[in-house]
PDB file of N, CA and C in Angstrom:
ATOM      1  N   MET A   1      23.726  -3.775  -3.134  1.00  0.00           N
ATOM      2  CA  MET A   1      22.383  -3.219  -2.696  1.00  0.00           C
ATOM      3  C   MET A   1      22.159  -3.811  -1.048  1.00  0.00           C
ATOM      4  N   SER A   2      21.569  -2.940  -0.468  1.00  0.00           N
ATOM      5  CA  SER A   2      21.115  -3.444   0.879  1.00  0.00           C
ATOM      6  C   SER A   2      19.551  -3.073   0.783  1.00  0.00           C
ATOM      7  N   GLU A   3      18.966  -3.502   1.988  1.00  0.00           N
ATOM      8  CA  GLU A   3      17.502  -3.220   2.251  1.00  0.00           C
ATOM      9  C   GLU A   3      17.091  -2.116   2.937  1.00  0.00           C
ATOM     10  N   VAL A   4      15.968  -1.456   2.813  1.00  0.00           N
ATOM     11  CA  VAL A   4      15.469  -0.227   3.367  1.00  0.00           C
ATOM     12  C   VAL A   4      15.556  -0.547   4.895  1.00  0.00           C
ATOM     13  N   ASP A   5      15.846   0.415   5.803  1.00  0.00           N
ATOM     14  CA  ASP A   5      15.965   0.252   7.115  1.00  0.00           C
ATOM     15  C   ASP A   5      15.315   1.528   7.784  1.00  0.00           C
ATOM     16  N   TYR A   6      15.651   1.630   9.030  1.00  0.00           N
ATOM     17  CA  TYR A   6      15.064   2.640   9.782  1.00  0.00           C
ATOM     18  C   TYR A   6      15.769   4.096   9.412  1.00  0.00           C
ATOM     19  N   ILE A   7      17.134   3.909   9.103  1.00  0.00           N
ATOM     20  CA  ILE A   7      17.839   5.352   8.604  1.00  0.00           C
ATOM     21  C   ILE A   7      17.239   5.664   7.428  1.00  0.00           C
ATOM     22  N   CYS A   8      16.864   4.800   6.386  1.00  0.00           N
ATOM     23  CA  CYS A   8      16.408   5.173   5.299  1.00  0.00           C
ATOM     24  C   CYS A   8      15.093   5.779   5.476  1.00  0.00           C
ATOM     25  N   ALA A   9      14.181   5.110   6.372  1.00  0.00           N
ATOM     26  CA  ALA A   9      12.932   5.790   6.598  1.00  0.00           C
ATOM     27  C   ALA A   9      12.879   7.140   7.154  1.00  0.00           C
ATOM     28  N   GLU A  10      13.809   7.324   8.110  1.00  0.00           N
ATOM     29  CA  GLU A  10      13.962   8.656   8.923  1.00  0.00           C
ATOM     30  C   GLU A  10      14.438   9.639   7.930  1.00  0.00           C
ATOM     31  N   THR A  11      15.538   9.402   7.024  1.00  0.00           N
ATOM     32  CA  THR A  11      15.964  10.212   6.087  1.00  0.00           C
ATOM     33  C   THR A  11      14.960  10.761   5.142  1.00  0.00           C
ATOM     34  N   PHE A  12      14.099   9.719   4.762  1.00  0.00           N
ATOM     35  CA  PHE A  12      13.220  10.023   3.800  1.00  0.00           C
ATOM     36  C   PHE A  12      11.968  10.803   4.434  1.00  0.00           C
ATOM     37  N   TYR A  13      11.670  10.451   5.374  1.00  0.00           N
ATOM     38  CA  TYR A  13      10.593  11.196   6.071  1.00  0.00           C
ATOM     39  C   TYR A  13      10.908  12.747   6.344  1.00  0.00           C
ATOM     40  N   GLU A  14      12.276  12.930   6.894  1.00  0.00           N
ATOM     41  CA  GLU A  14      12.642  14.307   6.992  1.00  0.00           C
ATOM     42  C   GLU A  14      12.946  15.211   5.664  1.00  0.00           C
ATOM     43  N   ASN A  15      12.907  14.498   4.656  1.00  0.00           N
ATOM     44  CA  ASN A  15      13.330  15.215   3.245  1.00  0.00           C
ATOM     45  C   ASN A  15      12.375  14.776   2.122  1.00  0.00           C
ATOM     46  N   GLN A  16      11.337  14.401   2.505  1.00  0.00           N
ATOM     47  CA  GLN A  16      10.377  13.836   1.320  1.00  0.00           C
ATOM     48  C   GLN A  16       9.873  14.956   0.610  1.00  0.00           C
ATOM     49  N   GLU A  17       9.875  16.230   1.043  1.00  0.00           N
ATOM     50  CA  GLU A  17       9.685  17.282   0.170  1.00  0.00           C
ATOM     51  C   GLU A  17      10.538  17.377  -1.035  1.00  0.00           C
ATOM     52  N   GLN A  18      11.606  17.103  -0.890  1.00  0.00           N
ATOM     53  CA  GLN A  18      12.374  17.067  -1.908  1.00  0.00           C
ATOM     54  C   GLN A  18      12.141  16.418  -3.080  1.00  0.00           C
ATOM     55  N   LEU A  19      11.222  15.428  -3.124  1.00  0.00           N
ATOM     56  CA  LEU A  19      10.730  14.673  -4.291  1.00  0.00           C
ATOM     57  C   LEU A  19       9.239  14.830  -4.456  1.00  0.00           C
ATOM     58  N   PHE A  20       8.366  15.064  -3.254  1.00  0.00           N
ATOM     59  CA  PHE A  20       6.990  15.180  -3.497  1.00  0.00           C
ATOM     60  C   PHE A  20       6.704  16.517  -2.893  1.00  0.00           C
ATOM     61  N   PRO A  21       5.733  17.226  -3.729  1.00  0.00           N
ATOM     62  CA  PRO A  21       5.206  18.657  -3.312  1.00  0.00           C
ATOM     63  C   PRO A  21       4.276  18.487  -2.007  1.00  0.00           C
ATOM     64  N   LYS A  22       3.834  17.318  -1.732  1.00  0.00           N
ATOM     65  CA  LYS A  22       3.048  17.150  -0.356  1.00  0.00           C
ATOM     66  C   LYS A  22       3.753  15.828   0.222  1.00  0.00           C
ATOM     67  N   PRO A  23       3.455  15.943   1.552  1.00  0.00           N
ATOM     68  CA  PRO A  23       4.109  14.730   2.258  1.00  0.00           C
ATOM     69  C   PRO A  23       3.209  13.436   1.884  1.00  0.00           C
ATOM     70  N   VAL A  24       4.034  12.468   1.815  1.00  0.00           N
ATOM     71  CA  VAL A  24       3.283  11.076   1.399  1.00  0.00           C
ATOM     72  C   VAL A  24       3.442  10.271   2.790  1.00  0.00           C
ATOM     73  N   ALA A  25       4.212  10.694   3.580  1.00  0.00           N
ATOM     74  CA  ALA A  25       4.240   9.876   5.121  1.00  0.00           C
ATOM     75  C   ALA A  25       4.055  10.851   6.262  1.00  0.00           C
ATOM     76  N   ALA A  26       3.297  10.363   7.158  1.00  0.00           N
ATOM     77  CA  ALA A  26       2.826  11.308   8.492  1.00  0.00           C
ATOM     78  C   ALA A  26       3.906  11.101   9.433  1.00  0.00           C
ATOM     79  N   ASP A  27       4.611   9.849   9.463  1.00  0.00           N
ATOM     80  CA  ASP A  27       5.528   9.587  10.500  1.00  0.00           C
ATOM     81  C   ASP A  27       6.726   8.634   9.937  1.00  0.00           C
ATOM     82  N   ILE A  28       7.657   8.401  10.656  1.00  0.00           N
ATOM     83  CA  ILE A  28       8.515   7.572  10.180  1.00  0.00           C
ATOM     84  C   ILE A  28       8.032   5.964   9.838  1.00  0.00           C
ATOM     85  N   ASP A  29       7.184   5.472  10.478  1.00  0.00           N
ATOM     86  CA  ASP A  29       6.603   4.200  10.153  1.00  0.00           C
ATOM     87  C   ASP A  29       5.937   4.178   8.925  1.00  0.00           C
ATOM     88  N   GLU A  30       5.154   5.111   8.539  1.00  0.00           N
ATOM     89  CA  GLU A  30       4.567   5.477   7.366  1.00  0.00           C
ATOM     90  C   GLU A  30       5.595   5.468   6.131  1.00  0.00           C
ATOM     91  N   ALA A  31       6.624   6.242   6.474  1.00  0.00           N
ATOM     92  CA  ALA A  31       7.816   6.487   5.366  1.00  0.00           C
ATOM     93  C   ALA A  31       8.393   4.983   5.245  1.00  0.00           C
ATOM     94  N   TYR A  32       8.563   4.185   6.136  1.00  0.00           N
ATOM     95  CA  TYR A  32       9.097   2.966   5.921  1.00  0.00           C
ATOM     96  C   TYR A  32       8.257   2.096   5.126  1.00  0.00           C
ATOM     97  N   GLU A  33       6.982   1.962   5.485  1.00  0.00           N
ATOM     98  CA  GLU A  33       5.974   1.399   4.505  1.00  0.00           C
ATOM     99  C   GLU A  33       5.998   1.825   3.065  1.00  0.00           C
ATOM    100  N   PHE A  34       6.006   3.302   2.994  1.00  0.00           N
ATOM    101  CA  PHE A  34       6.047   3.567   1.650  1.00  0.00           C
ATOM    102  C   PHE A  34       7.255   3.393   0.889  1.00  0.00           C
ATOM    103  N   LEU A  35       8.312   3.246   1.499  1.00  0.00           N
ATOM    104  CA  LEU A  35       9.702   2.804   0.948  1.00  0.00           C
ATOM    105  C   LEU A  35       9.523   1.466   0.261  1.00  0.00           C
ATOM    106  N   LYS A  36       8.889   0.589   1.303  1.00  0.00           N
ATOM    107  CA  LYS A  36       8.838  -0.862   0.861  1.00  0.00           C
ATOM    108  C   LYS A  36       7.820  -0.999  -0.179  1.00  0.00           C
ATOM    109  N   GLU A  37       6.762  -0.246  -0.320  1.00  0.00           N
ATOM    110  CA  GLU A  37       5.888  -0.371  -1.191  1.00  0.00           C
ATOM    111  C   GLU A  37       6.251  -0.149  -2.593  1.00  0.00           C
ATOM    112  N   CYS A  38       7.065   1.161  -2.659  1.00  0.00           N
ATOM    113  CA  CYS A  38       7.382   1.709  -3.926  1.00  0.00           C
ATOM    114  C   CYS A  38       8.799   0.896  -4.445  1.00  0.00           C
ATOM    115  N   MET A  39       9.119  -0.008  -3.647  1.00  0.00           N
ATOM    116  CA  MET A  39      10.501  -0.915  -3.757  1.00  0.00           C
ATOM    117  C   MET A  39      11.784   0.127  -4.053  1.00  0.00           C
ATOM    118  N   ALA A  40      11.810   0.956  -3.095  1.00  0.00           N
ATOM    119  CA  ALA A  40      12.852   2.044  -3.031  1.00  0.00           C
ATOM    120  C   ALA A  40      14.273   0.926  -2.971  1.00  0.00           C
ATOM    121  N   GLU A  41      15.455   1.474  -3.310  1.00  0.00           N
ATOM    122  CA  GLU A  41      16.685   0.788  -3.481  1.00  0.00           C
ATOM    123  C   GLU A  41      17.673   1.482  -2.578  1.00  0.00           C
ATOM    124  N   VAL A  42      18.450   0.642  -2.137  1.00  0.00           N
ATOM    125  CA  VAL A  42      19.682   1.311  -1.102  1.00  0.00           C
ATOM    126  C   VAL A  42      20.907   0.978  -1.727  1.00  0.00           C
ATOM    127  N   PHE A  43      21.852   1.787  -1.945  1.00  0.00           N
ATOM    128  CA  PHE A  43      23.118   1.604  -2.513  1.00  0.00           C
ATOM    129  C   PHE A  43      24.399   1.935  -1.579  1.00  0.00           C
ATOM    130  N   GLU A  44      25.384   1.202  -1.486  1.00  0.00           N
ATOM    131  CA  GLU A  44      26.489   1.431  -0.650  1.00  0.00           C
ATOM    132  C   GLU A  44      27.381   2.479  -1.254  1.00  0.00           C
ATOM    133  N   ASP A  45      27.373   2.870  -2.330  1.00  0.00           N
ATOM    134  CA  ASP A  45      28.282   3.944  -2.984  1.00  0.00           C
ATOM    135  C   ASP A  45      27.645   4.624  -4.230  1.00  0.00           C
ATOM    136  N   LYS A  46      28.318   5.722  -4.765  1.00  0.00           N
ATOM    137  CA  LYS A  46      27.632   6.272  -5.999  1.00  0.00           C
ATOM    138  C   LYS A  46      27.914   5.587  -7.254  1.00  0.00           C
ATOM    139  N   THR A  47      28.919   4.865  -7.144  1.00  0.00           N
ATOM    140  CA  THR A  47      29.175   4.029  -8.413  1.00  0.00           C
ATOM    141  C   THR A  47      28.125   2.932  -8.743  1.00  0.00           C
ATOM    142  N   GLU A  48      27.700   2.303  -7.442  1.00  0.00           N
ATOM    143  CA  GLU A  48      26.544   1.220  -7.640  1.00  0.00           C
ATOM    144  C   GLU A  48      25.384   1.947  -7.995  1.00  0.00           C
ATOM    145  N   LEU A  49      24.891   3.278  -7.506  1.00  0.00           N
ATOM    146  CA  LEU A  49      23.825   4.066  -7.569  1.00  0.00           C
ATOM    147  C   LEU A  49      23.933   4.425  -9.150  1.00  0.00           C
ATOM    148  N   ALA A  50      25.118   4.788  -9.665  1.00  0.00           N
ATOM    149  CA  ALA A  50      25.092   5.190 -11.152  1.00  0.00           C
ATOM    150  C   ALA A  50      24.794   4.142 -12.035  1.00  0.00           C
ATOM    151  N   GLU A  51      25.221   3.094 -11.767  1.00  0.00           N
ATOM    152  CA  GLU A  51      25.209   1.770 -12.588  1.00  0.00           C
ATOM    153  C   GLU A  51      23.595   1.225 -12.659  1.00  0.00           C
ATOM    154  N   PHE A  52      23.022   1.491 -11.438  1.00  0.00           N
ATOM    155  CA  PHE A  52      21.519   0.925 -11.227  1.00  0.00           C
ATOM    156  C   PHE A  52      20.714   2.073 -12.169  1.00  0.00           C
ATOM    157  N   MET A  53      21.099   3.375 -11.970  1.00  0.00           N
ATOM    158  CA  MET A  53      20.356   4.376 -12.802  1.00  0.00           C
ATOM    159  C   MET A  53      20.450   4.233 -14.108  1.00  0.00           C
ATOM    160  N   LYS A  54      21.631   3.948 -14.756  1.00  0.00           N
ATOM    161  CA  LYS A  54      21.906   3.606 -16.129  1.00  0.00           C
ATOM    162  C   LYS A  54      21.028   2.440 -16.495  1.00  0.00           C
ATOM    163  N   ASP A  55      20.977   1.401 -15.810  1.00  0.00           N
ATOM    164  CA  ASP A  55      20.413   0.103 -16.179  1.00  0.00           C
ATOM    165  C   ASP A  55      18.836   0.397 -16.163  1.00  0.00           C
ATOM    166  N   GLU A  56      18.314   1.323 -15.503  1.00  0.00           N
ATOM    167  CA  GLU A  56      16.968   1.499 -15.279  1.00  0.00           C
ATOM    168  C   GLU A  56      16.691   2.572 -16.527  1.00  0.00           C
ATOM    169  N   GLY A  57      17.680   3.122 -17.232  1.00  0.00           N
ATOM    170  CA  GLY A  57      17.355   3.952 -18.328  1.00  0.00           C
ATOM    171  C   GLY A  57      17.058   5.424 -17.935  1.00  0.00           C
ATOM    172  N   VAL A  58      17.568   5.713 -16.665  1.00  0.00           N
ATOM    173  CA  VAL A  58      17.523   7.120 -16.159  1.00  0.00           C
ATOM    174  C   VAL A  58      18.833   7.850 -16.943  1.00  0.00           C
ATOM    175  N   ASP A  59      18.432   8.995 -17.574  1.00  0.00           N
ATOM    176  CA  ASP A  59      19.325   9.877 -17.969  1.00  0.00           C
ATOM    177  C   ASP A  59      20.091  10.666 -16.994  1.00  0.00           C
ATOM    178  N   ILE A  60      21.358  10.428 -16.734  1.00  0.00           N
ATOM    179  CA  ILE A  60      22.168  10.870 -15.623  1.00  0.00           C
ATOM    180  C   ILE A  60      23.127  11.936 -16.227  1.00  0.00           C
ATOM    181  N   SER A  61      23.076  12.123 -17.485  1.00  0.00           N
ATOM    182  CA  SER A  61      24.024  12.934 -18.161  1.00  0.00           C
ATOM    183  C   SER A  61      23.811  14.512 -17.753  1.00  0.00           C
ATOM    184  N   GLY A  62      22.651  14.941 -17.070  1.00  0.00           N
ATOM    185  CA  GLY A  62      22.485  16.138 -16.953  1.00  0.00           C
ATOM    186  C   GLY A  62      23.138  16.458 -15.292  1.00  0.00           C
ATOM    187  N   TYR A  63      23.574  15.610 -14.662  1.00  0.00           N
ATOM    188  CA  TYR A  63      24.128  15.717 -13.471  1.00  0.00           C
ATOM    189  C   TYR A  63      25.673  15.598 -13.261  1.00  0.00           C
ATOM    190  N   ASP A  64      26.079  16.512 -12.527  1.00  0.00           N
ATOM    191  CA  ASP A  64      27.443  16.496 -12.333  1.00  0.00           C
ATOM    192  C   ASP A  64      27.769  15.297 -11.271  1.00  0.00           C
ATOM    193  N   ASP A  65      26.953  15.011 -10.526  1.00  0.00           N
ATOM    194  CA  ASP A  65      27.008  13.987  -9.380  1.00  0.00           C
ATOM    195  C   ASP A  65      25.721  13.399  -9.335  1.00  0.00           C
ATOM    196  N   VAL A  66      25.575  11.978  -9.399  1.00  0.00           N
ATOM    197  CA  VAL A  66      24.151  11.472  -9.453  1.00  0.00           C
ATOM    198  C   VAL A  66      23.456  11.584  -8.298  1.00  0.00           C
ATOM    199  N   SER A  67      24.148  11.909  -7.092  1.00  0.00           N
ATOM    200  CA  SER A  67      23.559  12.257  -5.744  1.00  0.00           C
ATOM    201  C   SER A  67      22.488  13.303  -5.968  1.00  0.00           C
ATOM    202  N   ASP A  68      22.718  14.274  -7.040  1.00  0.00           N
ATOM    203  CA  ASP A  68      21.942  15.425  -7.040  1.00  0.00           C
ATOM    204  C   ASP A  68      20.719  15.279  -7.641  1.00  0.00           C
ATOM    205  N   ALA A  69      20.374  14.019  -8.102  1.00  0.00           N
ATOM    206  CA  ALA A  69      18.998  13.707  -8.602  1.00  0.00           C
ATOM    207  C   ALA A  69      17.897  13.815  -7.594  1.00  0.00           C
ATOM    208  N   LEU A  70      16.846  14.247  -7.815  1.00  0.00           N
ATOM    209  CA  LEU A  70      15.698  14.551  -7.015  1.00  0.00           C
ATOM    210  C   LEU A  70      15.300  13.187  -6.221  1.00  0.00           C
ATOM    211  N   GLU A  71      15.480  11.986  -6.891  1.00  0.00           N
ATOM    212  CA  GLU A  71      15.046  10.749  -6.360  1.00  0.00           C
ATOM    213  C   GLU A  71      15.988  10.032  -5.477  1.00  0.00           C
ATOM    214  N   VAL A  72      17.138  10.717  -5.242  1.00  0.00           N
ATOM    215  CA  VAL A  72      18.260  10.122  -4.469  1.00  0.00           C
ATOM    216  C   VAL A  72      18.426  11.002  -3.001  1.00  0.00           C
ATOM    217  N   PHE A  73      18.435  10.225  -2.131  1.00  0.00           N
ATOM    218  CA  PHE A  73      18.585  10.746  -0.794  1.00  0.00           C
ATOM    219  C   PHE A  73      19.885  10.246  -0.198  1.00  0.00           C
ATOM    220  N   GLU A  74      20.790  11.032   0.225  1.00  0.00           N
ATOM    221  CA  GLU A  74      22.063  10.650   0.726  1.00  0.00           C
ATOM    222  C   GLU A  74      21.748  10.213   2.225  1.00  0.00           C
ATOM    223  N   LEU A  75      22.204   9.157   2.692  1.00  0.00           N
ATOM    224  CA  LEU A  75      21.920   8.646   4.100  1.00  0.00           C
ATOM    225  C   LEU A  75      23.090   9.038   4.795  1.00  0.00           C
ATOM    226  N   PRO A  76      22.836   9.323   6.372  1.00  0.00           N
ATOM    227  CA  PRO A  76      23.886   9.849   7.290  1.00  0.00           C
ATOM    228  C   PRO A  76      25.188   8.853   7.378  1.00  0.00           C
ATOM    229  N   ASP A  77      24.809   7.630   7.013  1.00  0.00           N
ATOM    230  CA  ASP A  77      26.014   6.583   7.073  1.00  0.00           C
ATOM    231  C   ASP A  77      26.687   6.293   5.676  1.00  0.00           C
ATOM    232  N   GLY A  78      26.522   7.319   4.604  1.00  0.00           N
ATOM    233  CA  GLY A  78      27.237   7.235   3.505  1.00  0.00           C
ATOM    234  C   GLY A  78      26.773   6.380   2.486  1.00  0.00           C
ATOM    235  N   ARG A  79      25.523   5.769   2.771  1.00  0.00           N
ATOM    236  CA  ARG A  79      24.743   4.932   1.545  1.00  0.00           C
ATOM    237  C   ARG A  79      23.848   5.943   0.927  1.00  0.00           C
ATOM    238  N   TYR A  80      23.187   5.491  -0.136  1.00  0.00           N
ATOM    239  CA  TYR A  80      22.246   6.282  -1.140  1.00  0.00           C
ATOM    240  C   TYR A  80      20.956   5.628  -1.159  1.00  0.00           C
ATOM    241  N   LEU A  81      19.924   6.281  -0.914  1.00  0.00           N
ATOM    242  CA  LEU A  81      18.532   5.829  -1.095  1.00  0.00           C
ATOM    243  C   LEU A  81      17.899   6.340  -2.376  1.00  0.00           C
ATOM    244  N   TYR A  82      17.514   5.453  -3.236  1.00  0.00           N
ATOM    245  CA  TYR A  82      16.800   5.803  -4.570  1.00  0.00           C
ATOM    246  C   TYR A  82      15.472   5.594  -4.380  1.00  0.00           C
ATOM    247  N   VAL A  83      14.355   6.531  -4.698  1.00  0.00           N
ATOM    248  CA  VAL A  83      13.142   6.204  -4.361  1.00  0.00           C
ATOM    249  C   VAL A  83      12.537   6.933  -5.939  1.00  0.00           C
ATOM    250  N   GLU A  84      11.917   5.704  -6.532  1.00  0.00           N
ATOM    251  CA  GLU A  84      11.296   6.083  -7.830  1.00  0.00           C
ATOM    252  C   GLU A  84       9.962   6.654  -7.614  1.00  0.00           C
ATOM    253  N   ALA A  85      10.046   7.909  -8.384  1.00  0.00           N
ATOM    254  CA  ALA A  85       8.646   8.701  -8.077  1.00  0.00           C
ATOM    255  C   ALA A  85       7.690   8.359  -9.208  1.00  0.00           C
TER     256      ALA A  85
END
């Protein structure tokens, strides 16, 4: 796991409607603060992400790919951002 960074904030800001019906952040700085407050998690690969989701009790059986979950944002550098809603 790694920490939330600018790439996470930018990706979340640009795609926040994937998880929330209304924007929760008006800019990238607000997105960064939101991710820190909700203790978003960043994973290096899908295996690490899937293990975390299982450990948290998330039912992933309905997904062909865990990255299809609404709470998961694929980052441009290949990592995955998990935002608990």
